[in-house]
Amino acid sequence: MEFLEKNAIYIVLIIVMLTWSGIFTYLFTLDKRLKELKKEVEEK
């Protein structure tokens, strides 16, 4: 528990960074899929 008490801020920062990187990855893949769908719709 001593490690958690001394380094709590770093653990929180790691969790926040992982969360944000997950959100950006999701948005990036979603954007890619939407661009592909847009191309398909425009071709029809």
N, C-alpha and C. Protein backbone atom coordinates (compact mmCIF):
# COMPACT_ATOMS: atom_id res chain seq x y z
N MET A 1 0.82 -1.21 0.00
CA MET A 1 0.00 0.00 0.00
C MET A 1 0.86 1.27 0.00
N GLU A 2 2.10 1.15 0.47
CA GLU A 2 2.97 2.32 0.52
C GLU A 2 3.23 2.86 -0.89
N PHE A 3 3.39 1.94 -1.85
CA PHE A 3 3.62 2.35 -3.24
C PHE A 3 2.44 3.16 -3.75
N LEU A 4 1.23 2.71 -3.46
CA LEU A 4 0.03 3.43 -3.92
C LEU A 4 -0.08 4.81 -3.29
N GLU A 5 0.27 4.91 -2.02
CA GLU A 5 0.18 6.20 -1.34
C GLU A 5 1.17 7.21 -1.90
N LYS A 6 2.37 6.76 -2.21
CA LYS A 6 3.40 7.68 -2.71
C LYS A 6 3.21 8.02 -4.19
N ASN A 7 2.68 7.10 -4.94
CA ASN A 7 2.62 7.29 -6.40
C ASN A 7 1.19 7.35 -6.93
N ALA A 8 0.25 7.75 -6.11
CA ALA A 8 -1.16 7.79 -6.52
C ALA A 8 -1.35 8.69 -7.73
N ILE A 9 -0.68 9.84 -7.77
CA ILE A 9 -0.87 10.78 -8.88
C ILE A 9 -0.41 10.15 -10.19
N TYR A 10 0.66 9.37 -10.16
CA TYR A 10 1.13 8.74 -11.39
C TYR A 10 0.17 7.66 -11.86
N ILE A 11 -0.42 6.94 -10.92
CA ILE A 11 -1.39 5.91 -11.28
C ILE A 11 -2.62 6.56 -11.92
N VAL A 12 -3.07 7.66 -11.33
CA VAL A 12 -4.21 8.39 -11.90
C VAL A 12 -3.87 8.90 -13.29
N LEU A 13 -2.68 9.46 -13.47
CA LEU A 13 -2.26 9.96 -14.78
C LEU A 13 -2.22 8.84 -15.82
N ILE A 14 -1.72 7.68 -15.43
CA ILE A 14 -1.67 6.55 -16.36
C ILE A 14 -3.08 6.13 -16.78
N ILE A 15 -3.99 6.07 -15.81
CA ILE A 15 -5.37 5.69 -16.12
C ILE A 15 -6.01 6.71 -17.05
N VAL A 16 -5.78 8.01 -16.77
CA VAL A 16 -6.35 9.07 -17.61
C VAL A 16 -5.78 8.99 -19.02
N MET A 17 -4.47 8.79 -19.14
CA MET A 17 -3.84 8.71 -20.46
C MET A 17 -4.35 7.50 -21.25
N LEU A 18 -4.51 6.37 -20.58
CA LEU A 18 -5.05 5.19 -21.24
C LEU A 18 -6.48 5.44 -21.71
N THR A 19 -7.26 6.10 -20.88
CA THR A 19 -8.65 6.41 -21.26
C THR A 19 -8.69 7.31 -22.48
N TRP A 20 -7.90 8.39 -22.47
CA TRP A 20 -7.89 9.31 -23.60
C TRP A 20 -7.37 8.65 -24.88
N SER A 21 -6.32 7.82 -24.74
CA SER A 21 -5.80 7.15 -25.94
C SER A 21 -6.85 6.19 -26.49
N GLY A 22 -7.62 5.56 -25.63
CA GLY A 22 -8.70 4.68 -26.09
C GLY A 22 -9.77 5.46 -26.81
N ILE A 23 -10.13 6.63 -26.28
CA ILE A 23 -11.15 7.47 -26.93
C ILE A 23 -10.66 7.93 -28.30
N PHE A 24 -9.41 8.40 -28.38
CA PHE A 24 -8.89 8.87 -29.67
C PHE A 24 -8.78 7.73 -30.68
N THR A 25 -8.39 6.54 -30.22
CA THR A 25 -8.31 5.40 -31.12
C THR A 25 -9.70 5.06 -31.66
N TYR A 26 -10.69 5.06 -30.78
CA TYR A 26 -12.06 4.78 -31.19
C TYR A 26 -12.54 5.80 -32.21
N LEU A 27 -12.30 7.09 -31.93
CA LEU A 27 -12.74 8.14 -32.85
C LEU A 27 -12.03 8.03 -34.20
N PHE A 28 -10.74 7.68 -34.17
CA PHE A 28 -9.98 7.55 -35.41
C PHE A 28 -10.54 6.42 -36.27
N THR A 29 -10.82 5.26 -35.64
CA THR A 29 -11.36 4.13 -36.40
C THR A 29 -12.77 4.44 -36.89
N LEU A 30 -13.56 5.14 -36.07
CA LEU A 30 -14.91 5.53 -36.48
C LEU A 30 -14.85 6.47 -37.68
N ASP A 31 -13.92 7.42 -37.66
CA ASP A 31 -13.76 8.36 -38.76
C ASP A 31 -13.39 7.63 -40.05
N LYS A 32 -12.50 6.64 -39.91
CA LYS A 32 -12.09 5.86 -41.07
C LYS A 32 -13.29 5.12 -41.69
N ARG A 33 -14.09 4.50 -40.81
CA ARG A 33 -15.26 3.77 -41.29
C ARG A 33 -16.26 4.69 -41.95
N LEU A 34 -16.47 5.88 -41.35
CA LEU A 34 -17.42 6.83 -41.93
C LEU A 34 -16.96 7.32 -43.30
N LYS A 35 -15.66 7.52 -43.46
CA LYS A 35 -15.14 7.94 -44.78
C LYS A 35 -15.39 6.86 -45.82
N GLU A 36 -15.19 5.58 -45.42
CA GLU A 36 -15.44 4.48 -46.36
C GLU A 36 -16.92 4.42 -46.73
N LEU A 37 -17.80 4.58 -45.75
CA LEU A 37 -19.24 4.56 -46.04
C LEU A 37 -19.63 5.74 -46.93
N LYS A 38 -19.04 6.89 -46.69
CA LYS A 38 -19.34 8.06 -47.51
C LYS A 38 -18.96 7.82 -48.96
N LYS A 39 -17.79 7.18 -49.16
CA LYS A 39 -17.37 6.86 -50.54
C LYS A 39 -18.37 5.93 -51.20
N GLU A 40 -18.82 4.89 -50.46
CA GLU A 40 -19.79 3.94 -51.02
C GLU A 40 -21.08 4.64 -51.39
N VAL A 41 -21.57 5.54 -50.55
CA VAL A 41 -22.81 6.25 -50.82
C VAL A 41 -22.66 7.17 -52.02
N GLU A 42 -21.52 7.84 -52.13
CA GLU A 42 -21.31 8.76 -53.26
C GLU A 42 -21.18 8.02 -54.58
N GLU A 43 -20.68 6.77 -54.54
CA GLU A 43 -20.53 6.00 -55.78
C GLU A 43 -21.85 5.53 -56.32
N LYS A 44 -22.85 5.38 -55.46
CA LYS A 44 -24.16 4.87 -55.92
C LYS A 44 -25.01 5.92 -56.55
